[in-house]
């Protein structure tokens, strides 16, 4: 029996979620845990079925990834058409038309009237790290300001930007330097917009001058931090501060983008134009894709 046939027959022989969970714990590192011991056999639209035949409504959606539902017919058709042509060539070696078309479309969708450009990566954390690199190259500055409770990914710089210790940062330091945090406005925690802006202004006085701040990165809705929407006034005041001091405003729309809040991008509610927008998750309907989209003159700095 070939290895492929053996693997397939073994998979079909295991029909219990707990059996798969036991095998998973022996084969996959503890750090890659799972919330539910439910092993998916198939999924369609907003539902999924496990290996025992149980049916569920999927409120997780791959953590805000499958905005169009599982196996949307148009996504499925596009995937099949693509895989029949080629799987990978590296857009930086031998590019292809669909990447150009998608970049053009994203430039139209991201808020603001200034010309936009895009760079593609694979994950949200990569998008965040590249946004910081772009901002530093554009400004020639080092500092990046993020917010308490924010989540920006699990790579080292992205964890440094993340504004909570557990479960993401504990045991993994030291983190990159020149990252600063201030409170995020959340009524539930008694932090107003004025409080947050005052803390930011104090940071500029005691820790790093505005002349050395490359970027401020903010989630229009904090996801992992507790699902706190940024008040429109707060985003507007950040935009004003960035304009006054030549700081790049980065909107992390990885979780809030692609109509997750009703509009295509959450920053639209505040009526502002970020300099850079990080996107991932919902952009590809369940397939790994991420990007930084931003003002052309900023994007072309590196």
C-alpha atoms as a PDB file:
ATOM      1  CA  UNK A   1       0.000   0.000   0.000  1.00  0.00           C
ATOM      2  CA  UNK A   2       1.364   3.425  -0.923  1.00  0.00           C
ATOM      3  CA  UNK A   3       1.812   6.128   1.688  1.00  0.00           C
ATOM      4  CA  UNK A   4      -0.998   8.182   0.124  1.00  0.00           C
ATOM      5  CA  UNK A   5      -3.417   5.244   0.189  1.00  0.00           C
ATOM      6  CA  UNK A   6      -2.422   4.366   3.755  1.00  0.00           C
ATOM      7  CA  UNK A   7      -2.977   7.964   4.901  1.00  0.00           C
ATOM      8  CA  UNK A   8      -6.369   8.134   3.190  1.00  0.00           C
ATOM      9  CA  UNK A   9      -7.570   4.818   4.601  1.00  0.00           C
ATOM     10  CA  UNK A  10      -6.400   5.813   8.092  1.00  0.00           C
ATOM     11  CA  UNK A  11      -8.253   9.117   7.862  1.00  0.00           C
ATOM     12  CA  UNK A  12     -11.522   7.440   6.923  1.00  0.00           C
ATOM     13  CA  UNK A  13     -11.055   4.839   9.668  1.00  0.00           C
ATOM     14  CA  UNK A  14     -10.989   7.573  12.337  1.00  0.00           C
ATOM     15  CA  UNK A  15     -14.532   8.847  12.828  1.00  0.00           C
ATOM     16  CA  UNK A  16     -14.494  10.429  16.291  1.00  0.00           C
ATOM     17  CA  UNK A  17     -13.504  13.987  17.136  1.00  0.00           C
ATOM     18  CA  UNK A  18     -11.724  12.849  20.283  1.00  0.00           C
ATOM     19  CA  UNK A  19      -9.654  10.315  18.354  1.00  0.00           C
ATOM     20  CA  UNK A  20      -8.402  13.081  16.078  1.00  0.00           C
ATOM     21  CA  UNK A  21      -7.784  15.336  19.067  1.00  0.00           C
ATOM     22  CA  UNK A  22      -5.652  12.647  20.693  1.00  0.00           C
ATOM     23  CA  UNK A  23      -3.630  12.229  17.499  1.00  0.00           C
ATOM     24  CA  UNK A  24      -3.314  15.988  17.118  1.00  0.00           C
ATOM     25  CA  UNK A  25      -1.894  16.378  20.622  1.00  0.00           C
ATOM     26  CA  UNK A  26       0.753  13.776  19.821  1.00  0.00           C
ATOM     27  CA  UNK A  27       1.695  15.295  16.457  1.00  0.00           C
ATOM     28  CA  UNK A  28       1.202  19.093  16.631  1.00  0.00           C
ATOM     29  CA  UNK A  29       3.011  21.425  19.029  1.00  0.00           C
ATOM     30  CA  UNK A  30       1.077  22.567  22.098  1.00  0.00           C
ATOM     31  CA  UNK A  31       1.429  26.214  21.109  1.00  0.00           C
ATOM     32  CA  UNK A  32      -0.878  25.625  18.149  1.00  0.00           C
ATOM     33  CA  UNK A  33      -3.891  24.823  20.267  1.00  0.00           C
ATOM     34  CA  UNK A  34      -7.523  24.644  19.251  1.00  0.00           C
ATOM     35  CA  UNK A  35     -10.548  26.058  21.028  1.00  0.00           C
ATOM     36  CA  UNK A  36     -12.944  23.241  20.156  1.00  0.00           C
ATOM     37  CA  UNK A  37     -12.165  19.537  19.607  1.00  0.00           C
ATOM     38  CA  UNK A  38     -14.365  19.584  16.506  1.00  0.00           C
ATOM     39  CA  UNK A  39     -12.748  18.219  13.349  1.00  0.00           C
ATOM     40  CA  UNK A  40     -14.245  19.619  10.168  1.00  0.00           C
ATOM     41  CA  UNK A  41     -15.161  17.207   7.391  1.00  0.00           C
ATOM     42  CA  UNK A  42     -16.818  19.747   5.103  1.00  0.00           C
ATOM     43  CA  UNK A  43     -18.276  23.248   5.133  1.00  0.00           C
ATOM     44  CA  UNK A  44     -20.656  25.306   3.030  1.00  0.00           C
ATOM     45  CA  UNK A  45     -21.756  28.919   3.377  1.00  0.00           C
ATOM     46  CA  UNK A  46     -22.225  29.548   7.133  1.00  0.00           C
ATOM     47  CA  UNK A  47     -22.329  25.902   8.192  1.00  0.00           C
ATOM     48  CA  UNK A  48     -19.841  23.134   8.808  1.00  0.00           C
ATOM     49  CA  UNK A  49     -20.037  19.405   9.525  1.00  0.00           C
ATOM     50  CA  UNK A  50     -17.598  17.448  11.667  1.00  0.00           C
ATOM     51  CA  UNK A  51     -16.234  13.931  11.182  1.00  0.00           C
ATOM     52  CA  UNK A  52     -19.083  12.550  13.298  1.00  0.00           C
ATOM     53  CA  UNK A  53     -21.713  14.112  11.046  1.00  0.00           C
ATOM     54  CA  UNK A  54     -22.712  16.875  13.476  1.00  0.00           C
ATOM     55  CA  UNK A  55     -23.821  20.135  11.864  1.00  0.00           C
ATOM     56  CA  UNK A  56     -22.849  23.573  13.194  1.00  0.00           C
ATOM     57  CA  UNK A  57     -23.423  27.226  12.428  1.00  0.00           C
ATOM     58  CA  UNK A  58     -19.905  28.632  12.053  1.00  0.00           C
ATOM     59  CA  UNK A  59     -19.694  31.911  13.943  1.00  0.00           C
ATOM     60  CA  UNK A  60     -15.883  31.827  13.892  1.00  0.00           C
ATOM     61  CA  UNK A  61     -15.453  31.934  10.094  1.00  0.00           C
ATOM     62  CA  UNK A  62     -11.787  31.050  10.445  1.00  0.00           C
ATOM     63  CA  UNK A  63     -11.411  34.108  12.730  1.00  0.00           C
ATOM     64  CA  UNK A  64     -13.020  36.665  10.416  1.00  0.00           C
ATOM     65  CA  UNK A  65     -11.660  35.122   7.216  1.00  0.00           C
ATOM     66  CA  UNK A  66     -14.602  33.567   5.373  1.00  0.00           C
ATOM     67  CA  UNK A  67     -16.635  36.755   4.972  1.00  0.00           C
ATOM     68  CA  UNK A  68     -18.276  35.327   1.845  1.00  0.00           C
ATOM     69  CA  UNK A  69     -18.997  31.989   3.517  1.00  0.00           C
ATOM     70  CA  UNK A  70     -17.336  28.629   3.021  1.00  0.00           C
ATOM     71  CA  UNK A  71     -16.770  27.613  -0.615  1.00  0.00           C
ATOM     72  CA  UNK A  72     -18.624  30.521  -2.170  1.00  0.00           C
ATOM     73  CA  UNK A  73     -19.389  29.465  -5.766  1.00  0.00           C
ATOM     74  CA  UNK A  74     -17.506  32.395  -7.303  1.00  0.00           C
ATOM     75  CA  UNK A  75     -14.484  31.825  -5.066  1.00  0.00           C
ATOM     76  CA  UNK A  76     -14.523  28.110  -5.900  1.00  0.00           C
ATOM     77  CA  UNK A  77     -14.744  28.802  -9.631  1.00  0.00           C
ATOM     78  CA  UNK A  78     -11.886  31.300  -9.502  1.00  0.00           C
ATOM     79  CA  UNK A  79      -9.722  28.858  -7.541  1.00  0.00           C
ATOM     80  CA  UNK A  80     -10.347  26.007  -9.985  1.00  0.00           C
ATOM     81  CA  UNK A  81      -9.690  28.207 -13.010  1.00  0.00           C
ATOM     82  CA  UNK A  82      -6.423  29.418 -11.493  1.00  0.00           C
ATOM     83  CA  UNK A  83      -5.077  26.010 -10.439  1.00  0.00           C
ATOM     84  CA  UNK A  84      -5.703  24.689 -13.938  1.00  0.00           C
ATOM     85  CA  UNK A  85      -3.380  27.400 -15.306  1.00  0.00           C
ATOM     86  CA  UNK A  86      -0.567  27.477 -12.706  1.00  0.00           C
ATOM     87  CA  UNK A  87      -0.117  27.385  -8.938  1.00  0.00           C
ATOM     88  CA  UNK A  88       2.838  29.684  -8.243  1.00  0.00           C
ATOM     89  CA  UNK A  89       5.477  31.672 -10.062  1.00  0.00           C
ATOM     90  CA  UNK A  90       6.400  34.439  -7.558  1.00  0.00           C
ATOM     91  CA  UNK A  91       5.073  37.817  -8.596  1.00  0.00           C
ATOM     92  CA  UNK A  92       8.547  39.306  -8.065  1.00  0.00           C
ATOM     93  CA  UNK A  93      10.093  36.922 -10.612  1.00  0.00           C
ATOM     94  CA  UNK A  94       7.511  36.256 -13.302  1.00  0.00           C
ATOM     95  CA  UNK A  95       4.390  38.324 -12.523  1.00  0.00           C
ATOM     96  CA  UNK A  96       0.851  37.729 -13.727  1.00  0.00           C
ATOM     97  CA  UNK A  97      -2.143  39.802 -14.756  1.00  0.00           C
ATOM     98  CA  UNK A  98      -4.450  38.882 -11.865  1.00  0.00           C
ATOM     99  CA  UNK A  99      -2.069  40.463  -9.333  1.00  0.00           C
ATOM    100  CA  UNK A 100      -2.076  43.731 -11.268  1.00  0.00           C
ATOM    101  CA  UNK A 101      -5.864  43.675 -11.578  1.00  0.00           C
ATOM    102  CA  UNK A 102      -6.308  43.024  -7.861  1.00  0.00           C
ATOM    103  CA  UNK A 103      -3.895  45.818  -6.937  1.00  0.00           C
ATOM    104  CA  UNK A 104      -5.854  48.202  -9.152  1.00  0.00           C
ATOM    105  CA  UNK A 105      -9.131  47.144  -7.541  1.00  0.00           C
ATOM    106  CA  UNK A 106      -7.811  47.484  -3.995  1.00  0.00           C
ATOM    107  CA  UNK A 107      -6.523  50.951  -4.824  1.00  0.00           C
ATOM    108  CA  UNK A 108     -10.060  51.908  -5.813  1.00  0.00           C
ATOM    109  CA  UNK A 109     -11.663  50.415  -2.696  1.00  0.00           C
ATOM    110  CA  UNK A 110      -9.375  51.810   0.015  1.00  0.00           C
ATOM    111  CA  UNK A 111     -10.661  55.159   1.366  1.00  0.00           C
ATOM    112  CA  UNK A 112      -9.294  58.398  -0.036  1.00  0.00           C
ATOM    113  CA  UNK A 113      -8.756  60.167  -3.336  1.00  0.00           C
ATOM    114  CA  UNK A 114      -4.958  60.145  -3.512  1.00  0.00           C
ATOM    115  CA  UNK A 115      -3.363  57.632  -5.935  1.00  0.00           C
ATOM    116  CA  UNK A 116      -2.778  54.249  -4.282  1.00  0.00           C
ATOM    117  CA  UNK A 117      -0.352  51.375  -4.703  1.00  0.00           C
ATOM    118  CA  UNK A 118      -0.285  47.865  -3.243  1.00  0.00           C
ATOM    119  CA  UNK A 119       2.272  45.307  -2.148  1.00  0.00           C
ATOM    120  CA  UNK A 120       1.191  41.692  -1.616  1.00  0.00           C
ATOM    121  CA  UNK A 121       2.262  39.311   1.139  1.00  0.00           C
ATOM    122  CA  UNK A 122       0.782  36.148   2.629  1.00  0.00           C
ATOM    123  CA  UNK A 123      -0.317  36.923   6.194  1.00  0.00           C
ATOM    124  CA  UNK A 124      -1.634  39.803   8.248  1.00  0.00           C
ATOM    125  CA  UNK A 125       1.474  39.907  10.426  1.00  0.00           C
ATOM    126  CA  UNK A 126       3.610  40.272   7.300  1.00  0.00           C
ATOM    127  CA  UNK A 127       1.397  43.136   6.164  1.00  0.00           C
ATOM    128  CA  UNK A 128       1.850  44.905   9.510  1.00  0.00           C
ATOM    129  CA  UNK A 129       5.617  44.446   9.506  1.00  0.00           C
ATOM    130  CA  UNK A 130       5.892  45.728   5.951  1.00  0.00           C
ATOM    131  CA  UNK A 131       3.704  48.729   6.779  1.00  0.00           C
ATOM    132  CA  UNK A 132       6.177  49.652   9.525  1.00  0.00           C
ATOM    133  CA  UNK A 133       9.107  49.205   7.131  1.00  0.00           C
ATOM    134  CA  UNK A 134       7.408  51.413   4.542  1.00  0.00           C
ATOM    135  CA  UNK A 135       6.598  54.111   7.116  1.00  0.00           C
ATOM    136  CA  UNK A 136      10.168  54.144   8.410  1.00  0.00           C
ATOM    137  CA  UNK A 137      11.592  54.327   4.894  1.00  0.00           C
ATOM    138  CA  UNK A 138       9.220  57.159   3.978  1.00  0.00           C
ATOM    139  CA  UNK A 139       9.878  59.270   7.072  1.00  0.00           C
ATOM    140  CA  UNK A 140      13.441  58.325   7.963  1.00  0.00           C
ATOM    141  CA  UNK A 141      12.230  57.955  11.553  1.00  0.00           C
ATOM    142  CA  UNK A 142      12.272  55.047  14.011  1.00  0.00           C
ATOM    143  CA  UNK A 143       9.333  55.234  16.440  1.00  0.00           C
ATOM    144  CA  UNK A 144       5.982  53.470  16.090  1.00  0.00           C
ATOM    145  CA  UNK A 145       3.018  54.140  18.370  1.00  0.00           C
ATOM    146  CA  UNK A 146       0.366  51.490  19.008  1.00  0.00           C
ATOM    147  CA  UNK A 147      -2.428  51.135  21.560  1.00  0.00           C
ATOM    148  CA  UNK A 148      -3.234  49.181  24.687  1.00  0.00           C
ATOM    149  CA  UNK A 149      -5.369  46.164  23.829  1.00  0.00           C
ATOM    150  CA  UNK A 150      -4.413  46.202  20.167  1.00  0.00           C
ATOM    151  CA  UNK A 151      -3.517  43.049  18.265  1.00  0.00           C
ATOM    152  CA  UNK A 152      -1.285  43.143  15.197  1.00  0.00           C
ATOM    153  CA  UNK A 153       0.030  39.594  14.783  1.00  0.00           C
ATOM    154  CA  UNK A 154       2.303  36.913  16.212  1.00  0.00           C
ATOM    155  CA  UNK A 155       5.646  37.594  14.530  1.00  0.00           C
ATOM    156  CA  UNK A 156       8.204  39.411  16.677  1.00  0.00           C
ATOM    157  CA  UNK A 157       7.590  43.012  15.593  1.00  0.00           C
ATOM    158  CA  UNK A 158       3.842  42.429  15.340  1.00  0.00           C
ATOM    159  CA  UNK A 159       3.848  41.034  18.883  1.00  0.00           C
ATOM    160  CA  UNK A 160       5.814  44.067  20.005  1.00  0.00           C
ATOM    161  CA  UNK A 161       3.076  46.278  18.572  1.00  0.00           C
ATOM    162  CA  UNK A 162       0.371  44.176  20.226  1.00  0.00           C
ATOM    163  CA  UNK A 163      -0.882  45.851  23.387  1.00  0.00           C
ATOM    164  CA  UNK A 164      -1.584  42.881  25.642  1.00  0.00           C
ATOM    165  CA  UNK A 165       0.699  40.330  27.284  1.00  0.00           C
ATOM    166  CA  UNK A 166      -1.425  37.183  27.595  1.00  0.00           C
ATOM    167  CA  UNK A 167      -1.777  35.032  25.624  1.00  0.00           C
ATOM    168  CA  UNK A 168       0.471  36.471  22.922  1.00  0.00           C
ATOM    169  CA  UNK A 169       3.634  38.021  24.363  1.00  0.00           C
ATOM    170  CA  UNK A 170       4.397  36.086  27.538  1.00  0.00           C
ATOM    171  CA  UNK A 171       7.739  34.197  27.318  1.00  0.00           C
ATOM    172  CA  UNK A 172       8.669  35.628  23.893  1.00  0.00           C
ATOM    173  CA  UNK A 173      10.612  38.811  24.674  1.00  0.00           C
ATOM    174  CA  UNK A 174      12.650  40.875  24.325  1.00  0.00           C
ATOM    175  CA  UNK A 175      10.719  42.681  21.627  1.00  0.00           C
ATOM    176  CA  UNK A 176      11.965  45.212  19.065  1.00  0.00           C
ATOM    177  CA  UNK A 177      12.818  48.656  20.373  1.00  0.00           C
ATOM    178  CA  UNK A 178      11.197  51.969  19.440  1.00  0.00           C
ATOM    179  CA  UNK A 179       7.618  50.720  19.910  1.00  0.00           C
ATOM    180  CA  UNK A 180       5.406  52.721  22.269  1.00  0.00           C
ATOM    181  CA  UNK A 181       1.888  52.163  23.615  1.00  0.00           C
ATOM    182  CA  UNK A 182      -0.831  54.507  24.844  1.00  0.00           C
ATOM    183  CA  UNK A 183      -4.391  53.814  26.075  1.00  0.00           C
ATOM    184  CA  UNK A 184      -7.109  53.102  23.525  1.00  0.00           C
ATOM    185  CA  UNK A 185     -10.402  54.954  24.080  1.00  0.00           C
ATOM    186  CA  UNK A 186     -12.919  52.492  25.495  1.00  0.00           C
ATOM    187  CA  UNK A 187     -15.863  53.670  27.556  1.00  0.00           C
ATOM    188  CA  UNK A 188     -16.088  50.275  29.258  1.00  0.00           C
ATOM    189  CA  UNK A 189     -12.625  50.835  30.736  1.00  0.00           C
ATOM    190  CA  UNK A 190     -13.224  54.485  31.547  1.00  0.00           C
ATOM    191  CA  UNK A 191     -10.863  55.793  28.856  1.00  0.00           C
ATOM    192  CA  UNK A 192     -12.217  58.688  26.810  1.00  0.00           C
ATOM    193  CA  UNK A 193     -10.977  60.069  23.513  1.00  0.00           C
ATOM    194  CA  UNK A 194      -9.524  63.031  25.409  1.00  0.00           C
ATOM    195  CA  UNK A 195      -7.721  60.649  27.780  1.00  0.00           C
ATOM    196  CA  UNK A 196      -6.158  58.755  24.910  1.00  0.00           C
ATOM    197  CA  UNK A 197      -5.066  61.871  23.036  1.00  0.00           C
ATOM    198  CA  UNK A 198      -3.645  63.355  26.248  1.00  0.00           C
ATOM    199  CA  UNK A 199      -1.604  60.187  26.804  1.00  0.00           C
ATOM    200  CA  UNK A 200      -0.319  60.401  23.232  1.00  0.00           C
ATOM    201  CA  UNK A 201       0.710  64.024  23.719  1.00  0.00           C
ATOM    202  CA  UNK A 202       2.460  63.104  26.973  1.00  0.00           C
ATOM    203  CA  UNK A 203       4.306  60.309  25.179  1.00  0.00           C
ATOM    204  CA  UNK A 204       5.622  62.864  22.706  1.00  0.00           C
ATOM    205  CA  UNK A 205       6.914  64.964  25.606  1.00  0.00           C
ATOM    206  CA  UNK A 206       8.594  62.314  27.744  1.00  0.00           C
ATOM    207  CA  UNK A 207       9.481  59.294  25.565  1.00  0.00           C
ATOM    208  CA  UNK A 208       9.906  60.213  21.900  1.00  0.00           C
ATOM    209  CA  UNK A 209       9.481  63.486  19.992  1.00  0.00           C
ATOM    210  CA  UNK A 210       7.074  63.676  17.090  1.00  0.00           C
ATOM    211  CA  UNK A 211      10.054  64.368  14.831  1.00  0.00           C
ATOM    212  CA  UNK A 212      11.215  60.783  15.430  1.00  0.00           C
ATOM    213  CA  UNK A 213       7.841  59.016  15.103  1.00  0.00           C
ATOM    214  CA  UNK A 214       7.419  57.169  11.827  1.00  0.00           C
ATOM    215  CA  UNK A 215       3.904  55.800  12.291  1.00  0.00           C
ATOM    216  CA  UNK A 216       0.840  55.459  14.453  1.00  0.00           C
ATOM    217  CA  UNK A 217      -0.933  52.131  13.911  1.00  0.00           C
ATOM    218  CA  UNK A 218      -4.522  51.645  15.034  1.00  0.00           C
ATOM    219  CA  UNK A 219      -7.328  49.132  14.604  1.00  0.00           C
ATOM    220  CA  UNK A 220     -10.611  50.882  13.707  1.00  0.00           C
ATOM    221  CA  UNK A 221     -12.211  48.143  15.798  1.00  0.00           C
ATOM    222  CA  UNK A 222     -10.068  46.326  18.320  1.00  0.00           C
ATOM    223  CA  UNK A 223     -10.731  42.634  17.808  1.00  0.00           C
ATOM    224  CA  UNK A 224      -8.627  40.587  20.216  1.00  0.00           C
ATOM    225  CA  UNK A 225      -8.677  43.536  22.613  1.00  0.00           C
ATOM    226  CA  UNK A 226     -12.403  43.160  23.289  1.00  0.00           C
ATOM    227  CA  UNK A 227     -14.287  44.364  20.185  1.00  0.00           C
ATOM    228  CA  UNK A 228     -14.072  48.051  20.967  1.00  0.00           C
ATOM    229  CA  UNK A 229     -14.775  50.378  18.029  1.00  0.00           C
ATOM    230  CA  UNK A 230     -12.586  53.452  17.777  1.00  0.00           C
ATOM    231  CA  UNK A 231     -14.831  56.529  18.022  1.00  0.00           C
ATOM    232  CA  UNK A 232     -14.836  58.463  14.727  1.00  0.00           C
ATOM    233  CA  UNK A 233     -13.620  61.557  16.605  1.00  0.00           C
ATOM    234  CA  UNK A 234     -10.583  59.605  17.796  1.00  0.00           C
ATOM    235  CA  UNK A 235      -9.572  58.532  14.292  1.00  0.00           C
ATOM    236  CA  UNK A 236     -10.136  62.070  13.031  1.00  0.00           C
ATOM    237  CA  UNK A 237      -7.888  63.511  15.742  1.00  0.00           C
ATOM    238  CA  UNK A 238      -5.192  60.943  14.988  1.00  0.00           C
ATOM    239  CA  UNK A 239      -5.374  61.982  11.340  1.00  0.00           C
ATOM    240  CA  UNK A 240      -4.905  65.630  12.344  1.00  0.00           C
ATOM    241  CA  UNK A 241      -1.928  64.829  14.595  1.00  0.00           C
ATOM    242  CA  UNK A 242      -0.278  62.778  11.863  1.00  0.00           C
ATOM    243  CA  UNK A 243      -0.808  65.552   9.322  1.00  0.00           C
ATOM    244  CA  UNK A 244       0.647  68.165  11.665  1.00  0.00           C
ATOM    245  CA  UNK A 245       3.798  66.171  12.382  1.00  0.00           C
ATOM    246  CA  UNK A 246       4.430  64.210   9.182  1.00  0.00           C
ATOM    247  CA  UNK A 247       3.586  60.867  10.809  1.00  0.00           C
ATOM    248  CA  UNK A 248       2.256  57.971   8.733  1.00  0.00           C
ATOM    249  CA  UNK A 249      -1.203  56.841   9.881  1.00  0.00           C
ATOM    250  CA  UNK A 250      -1.601  53.074   9.480  1.00  0.00           C
ATOM    251  CA  UNK A 251      -5.101  51.596   9.715  1.00  0.00           C
ATOM    252  CA  UNK A 252      -4.941  47.911  10.588  1.00  0.00           C
ATOM    253  CA  UNK A 253      -8.087  46.699   8.813  1.00  0.00           C
ATOM    254  CA  UNK A 254      -7.042  43.051   8.776  1.00  0.00           C
ATOM    255  CA  UNK A 255     -10.020  41.997  10.881  1.00  0.00           C
ATOM    256  CA  UNK A 256     -12.399  44.928  10.355  1.00  0.00           C
ATOM    257  CA  UNK A 257     -12.058  45.230   6.578  1.00  0.00           C
ATOM    258  CA  UNK A 258     -14.009  43.728   3.698  1.00  0.00           C
ATOM    259  CA  UNK A 259     -17.491  44.678   4.872  1.00  0.00           C
ATOM    260  CA  UNK A 260     -17.056  43.156   8.319  1.00  0.00           C
ATOM    261  CA  UNK A 261     -18.645  46.271   9.838  1.00  0.00           C
ATOM    262  CA  UNK A 262     -21.058  47.026   6.996  1.00  0.00           C
ATOM    263  CA  UNK A 263     -18.887  49.319   4.901  1.00  0.00           C
ATOM    264  CA  UNK A 264     -15.987  47.945   2.918  1.00  0.00           C
ATOM    265  CA  UNK A 265     -13.457  49.474   5.317  1.00  0.00           C
ATOM    266  CA  UNK A 266     -14.256  50.557   8.852  1.00  0.00           C
ATOM    267  CA  UNK A 267     -12.272  53.799   8.572  1.00  0.00           C
ATOM    268  CA  UNK A 268     -14.941  55.011   6.141  1.00  0.00           C
ATOM    269  CA  UNK A 269     -17.219  55.744   9.111  1.00  0.00           C
ATOM    270  CA  UNK A 270     -14.752  58.361  10.354  1.00  0.00           C
ATOM    271  CA  UNK A 271     -14.371  59.926   6.922  1.00  0.00           C
ATOM    272  CA  UNK A 272     -10.569  59.774   7.031  1.00  0.00           C
ATOM    273  CA  UNK A 273      -7.926  58.610   4.579  1.00  0.00           C
ATOM    274  CA  UNK A 274      -5.192  56.498   6.190  1.00  0.00           C
ATOM    275  CA  UNK A 275      -1.753  56.691   4.615  1.00  0.00           C
ATOM    276  CA  UNK A 276      -1.422  52.904   4.749  1.00  0.00           C
ATOM    277  CA  UNK A 277      -4.010  50.160   5.216  1.00  0.00           C
ATOM    278  CA  UNK A 278      -3.116  46.596   6.161  1.00  0.00           C
ATOM    279  CA  UNK A 279      -5.481  43.921   4.879  1.00  0.00           C
ATOM    280  CA  UNK A 280      -5.716  40.125   5.055  1.00  0.00           C
ATOM    281  CA  UNK A 281      -8.339  37.620   6.261  1.00  0.00           C
ATOM    282  CA  UNK A 282     -11.485  38.472   4.244  1.00  0.00           C
ATOM    283  CA  UNK A 283      -9.599  39.631   1.145  1.00  0.00           C
ATOM    284  CA  UNK A 284      -9.342  36.145  -0.401  1.00  0.00           C
ATOM    285  CA  UNK A 285     -12.395  34.279   0.871  1.00  0.00           C
ATOM    286  CA  UNK A 286     -10.490  31.604   2.778  1.00  0.00           C
ATOM    287  CA  UNK A 287      -7.162  31.534   0.938  1.00  0.00           C
ATOM    288  CA  UNK A 288      -3.851  32.957   2.235  1.00  0.00           C
ATOM    289  CA  UNK A 289      -3.390  36.497   0.976  1.00  0.00           C
ATOM    290  CA  UNK A 290      -2.575  39.832   2.583  1.00  0.00           C
ATOM    291  CA  UNK A 291      -1.430  43.252   1.450  1.00  0.00           C
ATOM    292  CA  UNK A 292      -0.451  46.772   2.323  1.00  0.00           C
ATOM    293  CA  UNK A 293      -2.389  49.356   0.320  1.00  0.00           C
ATOM    294  CA  UNK A 294      -1.516  52.995   0.616  1.00  0.00           C
ATOM    295  CA  UNK A 295      -0.762  56.387  -0.804  1.00  0.00           C
ATOM    296  CA  UNK A 296       1.551  55.903  -3.775  1.00  0.00           C
ATOM    297  CA  UNK A 297       4.286  58.298  -2.659  1.00  0.00           C
ATOM    298  CA  UNK A 298       4.466  56.568   0.735  1.00  0.00           C
ATOM    299  CA  UNK A 299       4.333  53.059  -0.719  1.00  0.00           C
ATOM    300  CA  UNK A 300       7.180  53.807  -3.123  1.00  0.00           C
ATOM    301  CA  UNK A 301       9.564  54.966  -0.369  1.00  0.00           C
ATOM    302  CA  UNK A 302      11.525  51.678  -0.002  1.00  0.00           C
END
